[in-house]
Amino acid sequence: HMMPGMDGIETTVKIREMRDGAGDAGSDRFAIPIIALTANAIKGMETEFLNAGMNDYLTKPIELKRLEEILKKWIPDEKKDTSPEGIRAVSEMVNGDGGTATGGETPEWADGLKSIDVNEGLKNAMGDAEMYKTLLSSFISSNKIDIIDSQFESRDLKAYQISVHALKSSARYIGALELSELAKAQEDLAREGLSEEIRKSKGNMDSLLRKVLSEVEAALDRTD
C-alpha cells in the first residue's frame, strides 16, 4: 500500500468513515467496492486490508485470470456487459487471442532490448505489441534518474522509497527483471533507513536503469 501522503489502508479508512457519517441518504456514495492492488503478499496482510474496510485484494504482478475473477465478483450485475460482443471482448483480453497479438514472435523493433526479457513484457501486455510499446513509453516517462538521485541526496528516504518501489513494479511489467530486483533491494534499504548501504549499492541500479532507458528509447525510435 505504498502511496505518497496517505497509503491505501489509510485512504480506505477515511472513505469508510465518510460512509458512516453520511447518513442513510448519502452513505451509498461511499459504499463502493475497494480492491487493494499490492505487491505485499505477506501472510496476514489480507486481514489488515479487510479490517481497514477493503473488499478484496489483487497481488502484483497481475494475473489476468485473477483480475477477471475480481471484476466479475465486484462489478454490479446491472453494470456488466453480458452481450455476446462484450463476453467475446473479455475472452480475447484474458486469453490473448485478439487485437494485435504477436503470436509468440518478438517484434523486430524489440531486438535491441538486451537488458529486458521481452517475452515476459509481452506476456504482461497480453501479447499485444502495441500495448507493450505503451508500457515501454510509460516506463520512460515515469522513471527519472535525476529525481531519484535528488531524493536520496536530500535524504528524503520516504520519497526515495516510493520512487524505487514504483521502479520495481514498472521494470517488472516491461520485463526488466534484474532491474526490478535491484530496485526492490533499494526499497528494502530505504524502508530500514540505511542511507550508507544505499549509497554503496545504488550505483548498480543506476547504471542498469540508464542502460534500460537507453535501450527502450532506441527501440521506440525504431517503431516511428
C-alpha atoms as a PDB file:
ATOM      1  CA  HIS A   1       0.000   0.000   0.000  1.00  0.00           C
ATOM      2  CA  MET A   2       2.817   2.368  -0.975  1.00  0.00           C
ATOM      3  CA  MET A   3       1.331   5.768  -1.780  1.00  0.00           C
ATOM      4  CA  PRO A   4       2.584   9.318  -1.157  1.00  0.00           C
ATOM      5  CA  GLY A   5       0.930  11.284   1.658  1.00  0.00           C
ATOM      6  CA  MET A   6      -1.668   8.663   2.621  1.00  0.00           C
ATOM      7  CA  ASP A   7      -1.382   4.958   1.936  1.00  0.00           C
ATOM      8  CA  GLY A   8      -4.150   2.714   0.646  1.00  0.00           C
ATOM      9  CA  ILE A   9      -5.191   1.468   4.060  1.00  0.00           C
ATOM     10  CA  GLU A  10      -5.465   4.991   5.480  1.00  0.00           C
ATOM     11  CA  THR A  11      -7.386   6.132   2.395  1.00  0.00           C
ATOM     12  CA  THR A  12      -9.837   3.253   2.753  1.00  0.00           C
ATOM     13  CA  VAL A  13     -10.437   4.042   6.426  1.00  0.00           C
ATOM     14  CA  LYS A  14     -11.207   7.685   5.504  1.00  0.00           C
ATOM     15  CA  ILE A  15     -13.642   6.624   2.774  1.00  0.00           C
ATOM     16  CA  ARG A  16     -15.436   4.260   5.131  1.00  0.00           C
ATOM     17  CA  GLU A  17     -15.608   6.987   7.793  1.00  0.00           C
ATOM     18  CA  MET A  18     -17.302   9.259   5.231  1.00  0.00           C
ATOM     19  CA  ARG A  19     -19.803   6.491   4.523  1.00  0.00           C
ATOM     20  CA  ASP A  20     -20.563   6.006   8.211  1.00  0.00           C
ATOM     21  CA  GLY A  21     -21.056   9.738   8.730  1.00  0.00           C
ATOM     22  CA  ALA A  22     -23.108  10.383   5.620  1.00  0.00           C
ATOM     23  CA  GLY A  23     -26.406   9.082   6.946  1.00  0.00           C
ATOM     24  CA  ASP A  24     -28.881   6.958   5.009  1.00  0.00           C
ATOM     25  CA  ALA A  25     -29.275   9.495   2.201  1.00  0.00           C
ATOM     26  CA  GLY A  26     -25.600   9.764   1.298  1.00  0.00           C
ATOM     27  CA  SER A  27     -23.999   6.564   2.524  1.00  0.00           C
ATOM     28  CA  ASP A  28     -24.398   4.771  -0.821  1.00  0.00           C
ATOM     29  CA  ARG A  29     -21.921   7.201  -2.381  1.00  0.00           C
ATOM     30  CA  PHE A  30     -19.171   5.758  -0.175  1.00  0.00           C
ATOM     31  CA  ALA A  31     -20.269   2.109  -0.157  1.00  0.00           C
ATOM     32  CA  ILE A  32     -18.147   1.418  -3.223  1.00  0.00           C
ATOM     33  CA  PRO A  33     -16.027  -1.735  -3.507  1.00  0.00           C
ATOM     34  CA  ILE A  34     -12.359  -1.051  -2.750  1.00  0.00           C
ATOM     35  CA  ILE A  35      -9.807  -3.527  -4.105  1.00  0.00           C
ATOM     36  CA  ALA A  36      -6.202  -3.398  -2.916  1.00  0.00           C
ATOM     37  CA  LEU A  37      -3.562  -3.683  -5.635  1.00  0.00           C
ATOM     38  CA  THR A  38      -0.433  -4.712  -3.797  1.00  0.00           C
ATOM     39  CA  ALA A  39       2.967  -6.345  -4.150  1.00  0.00           C
ATOM     40  CA  ASN A  40       2.727  -7.273  -0.467  1.00  0.00           C
ATOM     41  CA  ALA A  41       1.676 -10.912  -0.321  1.00  0.00           C
ATOM     42  CA  ILE A  42       2.884 -11.381   3.261  1.00  0.00           C
ATOM     43  CA  LYS A  43       0.642 -13.623   5.343  1.00  0.00           C
ATOM     44  CA  GLY A  44      -1.678 -11.508   7.460  1.00  0.00           C
ATOM     45  CA  MET A  45      -1.864  -8.553   5.071  1.00  0.00           C
ATOM     46  CA  GLU A  46      -5.203  -9.797   3.717  1.00  0.00           C
ATOM     47  CA  THR A  47      -6.681  -9.450   7.207  1.00  0.00           C
ATOM     48  CA  GLU A  48      -5.245  -5.932   7.538  1.00  0.00           C
ATOM     49  CA  PHE A  49      -6.764  -4.897   4.203  1.00  0.00           C
ATOM     50  CA  LEU A  50     -10.189  -6.308   5.096  1.00  0.00           C
ATOM     51  CA  ASN A  51     -10.137  -4.836   8.598  1.00  0.00           C
ATOM     52  CA  ALA A  52      -9.491  -1.397   7.067  1.00  0.00           C
ATOM     53  CA  GLY A  53     -12.685  -1.728   5.023  1.00  0.00           C
ATOM     54  CA  MET A  54     -11.348  -3.036   1.708  1.00  0.00           C
ATOM     55  CA  ASN A  55     -13.439  -5.668  -0.021  1.00  0.00           C
ATOM     56  CA  ASP A  56     -10.729  -7.696  -1.708  1.00  0.00           C
ATOM     57  CA  TYR A  57      -7.139  -7.557  -2.930  1.00  0.00           C
ATOM     58  CA  LEU A  58      -5.095  -8.342  -6.014  1.00  0.00           C
ATOM     59  CA  THR A  59      -1.367  -9.052  -5.894  1.00  0.00           C
ATOM     60  CA  LYS A  60       1.229  -7.861  -8.388  1.00  0.00           C
ATOM     61  CA  PRO A  61       2.253  -8.825 -10.972  1.00  0.00           C
ATOM     62  CA  ILE A  62      -1.364  -9.002 -12.067  1.00  0.00           C
ATOM     63  CA  GLU A  63      -2.655 -12.303 -13.447  1.00  0.00           C
ATOM     64  CA  LEU A  64      -5.423 -11.569 -15.925  1.00  0.00           C
ATOM     65  CA  LYS A  65      -7.492 -14.580 -14.922  1.00  0.00           C
ATOM     66  CA  ARG A  66      -7.467 -13.374 -11.325  1.00  0.00           C
ATOM     67  CA  LEU A  67      -8.306  -9.839 -12.452  1.00  0.00           C
ATOM     68  CA  GLU A  68     -11.282 -11.205 -14.385  1.00  0.00           C
ATOM     69  CA  GLU A  69     -12.468 -13.075 -11.274  1.00  0.00           C
ATOM     70  CA  ILE A  70     -12.211  -9.944  -9.132  1.00  0.00           C
ATOM     71  CA  LEU A  71     -14.107  -7.799 -11.644  1.00  0.00           C
ATOM     72  CA  LYS A  72     -16.860 -10.383 -12.062  1.00  0.00           C
ATOM     73  CA  LYS A  73     -17.202 -10.643  -8.298  1.00  0.00           C
ATOM     74  CA  TRP A  74     -17.461  -6.931  -7.508  1.00  0.00           C
ATOM     75  CA  ILE A  75     -18.967  -5.195 -10.546  1.00  0.00           C
ATOM     76  CA  PRO A  76     -22.760  -4.985 -10.007  1.00  0.00           C
ATOM     77  CA  ASP A  77     -24.739  -7.207 -12.363  1.00  0.00           C
ATOM     78  CA  GLU A  78     -26.527  -4.227 -13.892  1.00  0.00           C
ATOM     79  CA  LYS A  79     -23.145  -2.759 -14.895  1.00  0.00           C
ATOM     80  CA  LYS A  80     -21.847  -5.883 -16.627  1.00  0.00           C
ATOM     81  CA  ASP A  81     -21.870  -6.197 -20.397  1.00  0.00           C
ATOM     82  CA  THR A  82     -23.337  -9.669 -20.948  1.00  0.00           C
ATOM     83  CA  SER A  83     -23.845  -9.261 -24.689  1.00  0.00           C
ATOM     84  CA  PRO A  84     -22.042 -11.785 -26.939  1.00  0.00           C
ATOM     85  CA  GLU A  85     -19.748  -8.970 -28.107  1.00  0.00           C
ATOM     86  CA  GLY A  86     -18.857  -7.994 -24.539  1.00  0.00           C
ATOM     87  CA  ILE A  87     -18.160 -11.570 -23.476  1.00  0.00           C
ATOM     88  CA  ARG A  88     -16.013 -12.126 -26.576  1.00  0.00           C
ATOM     89  CA  ALA A  89     -14.012  -8.949 -25.895  1.00  0.00           C
ATOM     90  CA  VAL A  90     -13.214 -10.064 -22.331  1.00  0.00           C
ATOM     91  CA  SER A  91     -12.239 -13.528 -23.556  1.00  0.00           C
ATOM     92  CA  GLU A  92      -9.871 -12.039 -26.121  1.00  0.00           C
ATOM     93  CA  MET A  93      -8.285  -9.801 -23.488  1.00  0.00           C
ATOM     94  CA  VAL A  94      -7.793 -12.555 -20.901  1.00  0.00           C
ATOM     95  CA  ASN A  95      -6.712 -15.292 -23.305  1.00  0.00           C
ATOM     96  CA  GLY A  96      -4.590 -13.070 -25.513  1.00  0.00           C
ATOM     97  CA  ASP A  97      -6.303 -14.183 -28.715  1.00  0.00           C
ATOM     98  CA  GLY A  98      -7.365 -10.836 -30.103  1.00  0.00           C
ATOM     99  CA  GLY A  99      -6.048  -7.440 -31.120  1.00  0.00           C
ATOM    100  CA  THR A 100      -2.514  -7.213 -32.475  1.00  0.00           C
ATOM    101  CA  ALA A 101      -1.075 -10.167 -30.587  1.00  0.00           C
ATOM    102  CA  THR A 102       2.395 -11.206 -31.674  1.00  0.00           C
ATOM    103  CA  GLY A 103       1.685 -14.931 -31.593  1.00  0.00           C
ATOM    104  CA  GLY A 104       4.871 -15.545 -29.602  1.00  0.00           C
ATOM    105  CA  GLU A 105       7.160 -13.753 -32.036  1.00  0.00           C
ATOM    106  CA  THR A 106       9.364 -10.926 -30.813  1.00  0.00           C
ATOM    107  CA  PRO A 107       8.754  -7.737 -32.825  1.00  0.00           C
ATOM    108  CA  GLU A 108      11.797  -6.694 -34.867  1.00  0.00           C
ATOM    109  CA  TRP A 109      11.910  -3.298 -33.172  1.00  0.00           C
ATOM    110  CA  ALA A 110      12.443  -5.051 -29.808  1.00  0.00           C
ATOM    111  CA  ASP A 111      15.601  -6.905 -30.858  1.00  0.00           C
ATOM    112  CA  GLY A 112      17.821  -4.338 -29.144  1.00  0.00           C
ATOM    113  CA  LEU A 113      16.245  -4.770 -25.719  1.00  0.00           C
ATOM    114  CA  LYS A 114      19.131  -6.869 -24.412  1.00  0.00           C
ATOM    115  CA  SER A 115      18.568  -5.991 -20.736  1.00  0.00           C
ATOM    116  CA  ILE A 116      14.895  -6.947 -20.893  1.00  0.00           C
ATOM    117  CA  ASP A 117      13.036 -10.238 -21.117  1.00  0.00           C
ATOM    118  CA  VAL A 118      10.805  -9.156 -23.983  1.00  0.00           C
ATOM    119  CA  ASN A 119       8.678 -12.308 -23.815  1.00  0.00           C
ATOM    120  CA  GLU A 120       7.878 -11.544 -20.172  1.00  0.00           C
ATOM    121  CA  GLY A 121       6.972  -7.976 -21.067  1.00  0.00           C
ATOM    122  CA  LEU A 122       4.765  -9.091 -23.938  1.00  0.00           C
ATOM    123  CA  LYS A 123       3.016 -11.548 -21.628  1.00  0.00           C
ATOM    124  CA  ASN A 124       2.183  -8.660 -19.298  1.00  0.00           C
ATOM    125  CA  ALA A 125       0.845  -6.804 -22.341  1.00  0.00           C
ATOM    126  CA  MET A 126      -1.374  -9.786 -23.248  1.00  0.00           C
ATOM    127  CA  GLY A 127       0.792 -10.500 -26.283  1.00  0.00           C
ATOM    128  CA  ASP A 128      -0.140  -7.158 -27.826  1.00  0.00           C
ATOM    129  CA  ALA A 129       2.883  -5.394 -29.320  1.00  0.00           C
ATOM    130  CA  GLU A 130       1.122  -2.025 -29.380  1.00  0.00           C
ATOM    131  CA  MET A 131       0.202  -2.313 -25.722  1.00  0.00           C
ATOM    132  CA  TYR A 132       3.798  -3.300 -24.950  1.00  0.00           C
ATOM    133  CA  LYS A 133       5.027  -0.145 -26.657  1.00  0.00           C
ATOM    134  CA  THR A 134       2.672   1.829 -24.424  1.00  0.00           C
ATOM    135  CA  LEU A 135       4.162   0.129 -21.353  1.00  0.00           C
ATOM    136  CA  LEU A 136       7.669   0.980 -22.559  1.00  0.00           C
ATOM    137  CA  SER A 137       6.753   4.618 -23.189  1.00  0.00           C
ATOM    138  CA  SER A 138       5.201   4.845 -19.744  1.00  0.00           C
ATOM    139  CA  PHE A 139       8.352   3.359 -18.227  1.00  0.00           C
ATOM    140  CA  ILE A 140      10.468   6.144 -19.747  1.00  0.00           C
ATOM    141  CA  SER A 141       8.160   8.934 -18.623  1.00  0.00           C
ATOM    142  CA  SER A 142       7.705   7.644 -15.078  1.00  0.00           C
ATOM    143  CA  ASN A 143      11.306   6.857 -14.125  1.00  0.00           C
ATOM    144  CA  LYS A 144      13.607   9.877 -13.928  1.00  0.00           C
ATOM    145  CA  ILE A 145      17.125   9.202 -12.682  1.00  0.00           C
ATOM    146  CA  ASP A 146      17.679  12.831 -11.656  1.00  0.00           C
ATOM    147  CA  ILE A 147      14.581  12.784  -9.429  1.00  0.00           C
ATOM    148  CA  ILE A 148      15.609   9.540  -7.754  1.00  0.00           C
ATOM    149  CA  ASP A 149      19.130  10.908  -7.206  1.00  0.00           C
ATOM    150  CA  SER A 150      17.792  14.175  -5.793  1.00  0.00           C
ATOM    151  CA  GLN A 151      15.549  12.362  -3.328  1.00  0.00           C
ATOM    152  CA  PHE A 152      18.449  10.345  -1.989  1.00  0.00           C
ATOM    153  CA  GLU A 153      20.922  13.226  -1.850  1.00  0.00           C
ATOM    154  CA  SER A 154      18.409  15.335   0.077  1.00  0.00           C
ATOM    155  CA  ARG A 155      17.960  12.402   2.499  1.00  0.00           C
ATOM    156  CA  ASP A 156      14.259  12.160   1.713  1.00  0.00           C
ATOM    157  CA  LEU A 157      14.246   8.400   2.130  1.00  0.00           C
ATOM    158  CA  LYS A 158      10.448   8.192   2.200  1.00  0.00           C
ATOM    159  CA  ALA A 159      10.195   9.755  -1.264  1.00  0.00           C
ATOM    160  CA  TYR A 160      13.139   7.648  -2.436  1.00  0.00           C
ATOM    161  CA  GLN A 161      11.423   4.513  -1.177  1.00  0.00           C
ATOM    162  CA  ILE A 162       8.249   5.401  -3.083  1.00  0.00           C
ATOM    163  CA  SER A 163      10.214   6.061  -6.296  1.00  0.00           C
ATOM    164  CA  VAL A 164      12.181   2.811  -6.223  1.00  0.00           C
ATOM    165  CA  HIS A 165       9.002   0.941  -5.277  1.00  0.00           C
ATOM    166  CA  ALA A 166       7.387   2.294  -8.461  1.00  0.00           C
ATOM    167  CA  LEU A 167      10.538   1.451 -10.439  1.00  0.00           C
ATOM    168  CA  LYS A 168      10.444  -2.101  -9.093  1.00  0.00           C
ATOM    169  CA  SER A 169       6.895  -2.594 -10.383  1.00  0.00           C
ATOM    170  CA  SER A 170       7.234  -0.820 -13.736  1.00  0.00           C
ATOM    171  CA  ALA A 171      10.512  -2.595 -14.508  1.00  0.00           C
ATOM    172  CA  ARG A 172       8.912  -5.965 -13.860  1.00  0.00           C
ATOM    173  CA  TYR A 173       5.971  -5.135 -16.128  1.00  0.00           C
ATOM    174  CA  ILE A 174       8.228  -4.420 -19.107  1.00  0.00           C
ATOM    175  CA  GLY A 175      10.348  -7.495 -18.412  1.00  0.00           C
ATOM    176  CA  ALA A 176      13.404  -5.769 -16.879  1.00  0.00           C
ATOM    177  CA  LEU A 177      13.575  -8.366 -14.125  1.00  0.00           C
ATOM    178  CA  GLU A 178      17.141  -7.738 -12.950  1.00  0.00           C
ATOM    179  CA  LEU A 179      16.446  -4.017 -12.641  1.00  0.00           C
ATOM    180  CA  SER A 180      13.276  -4.802 -10.709  1.00  0.00           C
ATOM    181  CA  GLU A 181      15.233  -6.880  -8.195  1.00  0.00           C
ATOM    182  CA  LEU A 182      17.837  -4.141  -7.748  1.00  0.00           C
ATOM    183  CA  ALA A 183      15.075  -1.601  -7.142  1.00  0.00           C
ATOM    184  CA  LYS A 184      13.475  -3.932  -4.595  1.00  0.00           C
ATOM    185  CA  ALA A 185      16.776  -4.127  -2.714  1.00  0.00           C
ATOM    186  CA  GLN A 186      16.941  -0.323  -2.648  1.00  0.00           C
ATOM    187  CA  GLU A 187      13.353  -0.143  -1.421  1.00  0.00           C
ATOM    188  CA  ASP A 188      14.150  -2.513   1.437  1.00  0.00           C
ATOM    189  CA  LEU A 189      17.195  -0.461   2.449  1.00  0.00           C
ATOM    190  CA  ALA A 190      15.209   2.777   2.342  1.00  0.00           C
ATOM    191  CA  ARG A 191      12.472   1.259   4.487  1.00  0.00           C
ATOM    192  CA  GLU A 192      15.121   0.463   7.112  1.00  0.00           C
ATOM    193  CA  GLY A 193      16.672   3.933   6.802  1.00  0.00           C
ATOM    194  CA  LEU A 194      20.081   2.533   5.813  1.00  0.00           C
ATOM    195  CA  SER A 195      21.444   5.536   3.907  1.00  0.00           C
ATOM    196  CA  GLU A 196      25.038   4.379   3.821  1.00  0.00           C
ATOM    197  CA  GLU A 197      24.090   0.959   2.481  1.00  0.00           C
ATOM    198  CA  ILE A 198      22.028   2.668  -0.214  1.00  0.00           C
ATOM    199  CA  ARG A 199      24.994   4.833  -1.194  1.00  0.00           C
ATOM    200  CA  LYS A 200      27.234   1.772  -1.513  1.00  0.00           C
ATOM    201  CA  SER A 201      24.853  -0.249  -3.668  1.00  0.00           C
ATOM    202  CA  LYS A 202      22.788   2.348  -5.524  1.00  0.00           C
ATOM    203  CA  GLY A 203      25.234   2.618  -8.420  1.00  0.00           C
ATOM    204  CA  ASN A 204      24.349  -0.848  -9.709  1.00  0.00           C
ATOM    205  CA  MET A 205      20.693   0.107 -10.012  1.00  0.00           C
ATOM    206  CA  ASP A 206      21.509   3.497 -11.548  1.00  0.00           C
ATOM    207  CA  SER A 207      23.766   2.083 -14.259  1.00  0.00           C
ATOM    208  CA  LEU A 208      21.295  -0.628 -15.233  1.00  0.00           C
ATOM    209  CA  LEU A 209      18.413   1.860 -15.229  1.00  0.00           C
ATOM    210  CA  ARG A 210      20.365   4.104 -17.610  1.00  0.00           C
ATOM    211  CA  LYS A 211      21.084   1.126 -19.842  1.00  0.00           C
ATOM    212  CA  VAL A 212      17.445   0.006 -19.893  1.00  0.00           C
ATOM    213  CA  LEU A 213      16.196   3.526 -20.599  1.00  0.00           C
ATOM    214  CA  SER A 214      18.683   3.877 -23.473  1.00  0.00           C
ATOM    215  CA  GLU A 215      17.635   0.539 -24.980  1.00  0.00           C
ATOM    216  CA  VAL A 216      13.930   1.357 -24.650  1.00  0.00           C
ATOM    217  CA  GLU A 217      14.322   4.798 -26.218  1.00  0.00           C
ATOM    218  CA  ALA A 218      16.250   3.272 -29.148  1.00  0.00           C
ATOM    219  CA  ALA A 219      13.636   0.540 -29.605  1.00  0.00           C
ATOM    220  CA  LEU A 220      10.758   3.016 -29.633  1.00  0.00           C
ATOM    221  CA  ASP A 221      12.649   5.179 -32.139  1.00  0.00           C
ATOM    222  CA  ARG A 222      12.707   2.179 -34.468  1.00  0.00           C
ATOM    223  CA  THR A 223       8.915   1.995 -34.373  1.00  0.00           C
ATOM    224  CA  ASP A 224       8.451   5.560 -35.686  1.00  0.00           C
END
